[in-house]
Amino acid sequence: MPSIERYQIKKTKLSERATIVKEFLTILNAARKPPFKPLTPARVAMLLAPIKTKDLYGFLAECKDSSNFSKYFWWSCSPKKH
């Protein structure tokens, strides 16, 4: 008889980067209003992919220090148009 344990989802420890992305995700989703769906962790991680893990701490602090976290985040992550 096969064991059911192999079909259960295993919980793994989050990496340092994943915990930072999760913090961005919780703050951004808290500010989203009903017409917009909540952001997924994959989407936020993809937006933050070009930024090194050590630099994410600084970026998170900059976003928190700004008057509007969400606006500053989206303005900083948008591609620069020249």
C-alpha atoms as a PDB file:
ATOM      1  CA  MET A   1       0.000   0.000   0.000  1.00  0.00           C
ATOM      2  CA  PRO A   2       1.539   3.347  -1.043  1.00  0.00           C
ATOM      3  CA  SER A   3       2.271   5.928   1.605  1.00  0.00           C
ATOM      4  CA  ILE A   4       0.205   9.122   1.540  1.00  0.00           C
ATOM      5  CA  GLU A   5       3.148  11.141   2.842  1.00  0.00           C
ATOM      6  CA  ARG A   6       4.684  11.448  -0.608  1.00  0.00           C
ATOM      7  CA  TYR A   7       1.612  13.346  -1.848  1.00  0.00           C
ATOM      8  CA  GLN A   8       1.589  15.897   0.959  1.00  0.00           C
ATOM      9  CA  ILE A   9       3.128  19.308   0.433  1.00  0.00           C
ATOM     10  CA  LYS A  10       6.387  19.645   2.301  1.00  0.00           C
ATOM     11  CA  LYS A  11       7.075  22.892   4.103  1.00  0.00           C
ATOM     12  CA  THR A  12      10.527  24.257   3.451  1.00  0.00           C
ATOM     13  CA  LYS A  13      12.415  27.070   5.090  1.00  0.00           C
ATOM     14  CA  LEU A  14      12.182  30.374   3.274  1.00  0.00           C
ATOM     15  CA  SER A  15      15.381  31.834   1.916  1.00  0.00           C
ATOM     16  CA  GLU A  16      16.553  35.295   2.871  1.00  0.00           C
ATOM     17  CA  ARG A  17      15.322  36.705  -0.430  1.00  0.00           C
ATOM     18  CA  ALA A  18      11.940  35.009  -0.098  1.00  0.00           C
ATOM     19  CA  THR A  19      11.326  36.599   3.285  1.00  0.00           C
ATOM     20  CA  ILE A  20      12.056  40.070   1.877  1.00  0.00           C
ATOM     21  CA  VAL A  21       9.771  39.444  -1.116  1.00  0.00           C
ATOM     22  CA  LYS A  22       7.075  38.257   1.287  1.00  0.00           C
ATOM     23  CA  GLU A  23       7.356  41.500   3.242  1.00  0.00           C
ATOM     24  CA  PHE A  24       6.983  43.546   0.026  1.00  0.00           C
ATOM     25  CA  LEU A  25       4.008  41.376  -0.905  1.00  0.00           C
ATOM     26  CA  THR A  26       2.131  41.853   2.362  1.00  0.00           C
ATOM     27  CA  ILE A  27       2.550  45.636   2.309  1.00  0.00           C
ATOM     28  CA  LEU A  28       1.599  45.959  -1.366  1.00  0.00           C
ATOM     29  CA  ASN A  29      -1.452  43.691  -1.090  1.00  0.00           C
ATOM     30  CA  ALA A  30      -2.697  45.564   1.976  1.00  0.00           C
ATOM     31  CA  ALA A  31      -2.886  48.753  -0.093  1.00  0.00           C
ATOM     32  CA  ARG A  32      -4.714  47.231  -3.097  1.00  0.00           C
ATOM     33  CA  LYS A  33      -8.383  48.046  -3.479  1.00  0.00           C
ATOM     34  CA  PRO A  34     -11.146  45.610  -4.586  1.00  0.00           C
ATOM     35  CA  PRO A  35     -11.060  46.073  -8.369  1.00  0.00           C
ATOM     36  CA  PHE A  36      -7.465  44.829  -8.350  1.00  0.00           C
ATOM     37  CA  LYS A  37      -6.563  41.250  -7.530  1.00  0.00           C
ATOM     38  CA  PRO A  38      -3.865  40.571  -4.932  1.00  0.00           C
ATOM     39  CA  LEU A  39      -0.336  40.288  -6.260  1.00  0.00           C
ATOM     40  CA  THR A  40       1.271  36.869  -6.340  1.00  0.00           C
ATOM     41  CA  PRO A  41       4.674  36.142  -4.831  1.00  0.00           C
ATOM     42  CA  ALA A  42       5.992  35.171  -8.271  1.00  0.00           C
ATOM     43  CA  ARG A  43       5.000  38.541  -9.747  1.00  0.00           C
ATOM     44  CA  VAL A  44       6.697  40.531  -6.992  1.00  0.00           C
ATOM     45  CA  ALA A  45       9.795  38.323  -7.185  1.00  0.00           C
ATOM     46  CA  MET A  46       9.959  38.884 -10.939  1.00  0.00           C
ATOM     47  CA  LEU A  47       9.772  42.661 -10.460  1.00  0.00           C
ATOM     48  CA  LEU A  48      12.543  42.530  -7.875  1.00  0.00           C
ATOM     49  CA  ALA A  49      14.731  40.080  -9.813  1.00  0.00           C
ATOM     50  CA  PRO A  50      17.244  42.669 -11.116  1.00  0.00           C
ATOM     51  CA  ILE A  51      17.947  43.894  -7.565  1.00  0.00           C
ATOM     52  CA  LYS A  52      20.533  41.991  -5.537  1.00  0.00           C
ATOM     53  CA  THR A  53      19.432  40.522  -2.216  1.00  0.00           C
ATOM     54  CA  LYS A  54      21.622  42.847  -0.136  1.00  0.00           C
ATOM     55  CA  ASP A  55      20.242  45.868  -2.008  1.00  0.00           C
ATOM     56  CA  LEU A  56      16.640  44.768  -1.344  1.00  0.00           C
ATOM     57  CA  TYR A  57      17.033  45.736   2.312  1.00  0.00           C
ATOM     58  CA  GLY A  58      17.885  49.284   1.290  1.00  0.00           C
ATOM     59  CA  PHE A  59      15.079  49.417  -1.250  1.00  0.00           C
ATOM     60  CA  LEU A  60      12.603  48.176   1.363  1.00  0.00           C
ATOM     61  CA  ALA A  61      13.776  50.883   3.772  1.00  0.00           C
ATOM     62  CA  GLU A  62      13.415  53.543   1.047  1.00  0.00           C
ATOM     63  CA  CYS A  63       9.875  52.385   0.288  1.00  0.00           C
ATOM     64  CA  LYS A  64       8.944  52.407   3.985  1.00  0.00           C
ATOM     65  CA  ASP A  65      10.421  55.895   4.469  1.00  0.00           C
ATOM     66  CA  SER A  66       8.440  57.337   1.560  1.00  0.00           C
ATOM     67  CA  SER A  67       5.028  58.902   2.133  1.00  0.00           C
ATOM     68  CA  ASN A  68       3.309  56.263  -0.033  1.00  0.00           C
ATOM     69  CA  PHE A  69       4.941  52.814  -0.106  1.00  0.00           C
ATOM     70  CA  SER A  70       2.996  51.519  -3.102  1.00  0.00           C
ATOM     71  CA  LYS A  71       3.540  54.576  -5.310  1.00  0.00           C
ATOM     72  CA  TYR A  72       7.254  54.651  -4.603  1.00  0.00           C
ATOM     73  CA  PHE A  73       7.572  50.907  -5.267  1.00  0.00           C
ATOM     74  CA  TRP A  74       5.798  51.037  -8.628  1.00  0.00           C
ATOM     75  CA  TRP A  75       7.602  54.217  -9.695  1.00  0.00           C
ATOM     76  CA  SER A  76      10.968  52.652  -8.853  1.00  0.00           C
ATOM     77  CA  CYS A  77      10.201  49.332 -10.561  1.00  0.00           C
ATOM     78  CA  SER A  78       8.830  50.806 -13.783  1.00  0.00           C
ATOM     79  CA  PRO A  79      11.204  50.847 -16.750  1.00  0.00           C
ATOM     80  CA  LYS A  80      12.718  54.251 -17.369  1.00  0.00           C
ATOM     81  CA  LYS A  81      11.442  55.885 -20.545  1.00  0.00           C
ATOM     82  CA  HIS A  82      13.966  58.142 -22.263  1.00  0.00           C
END
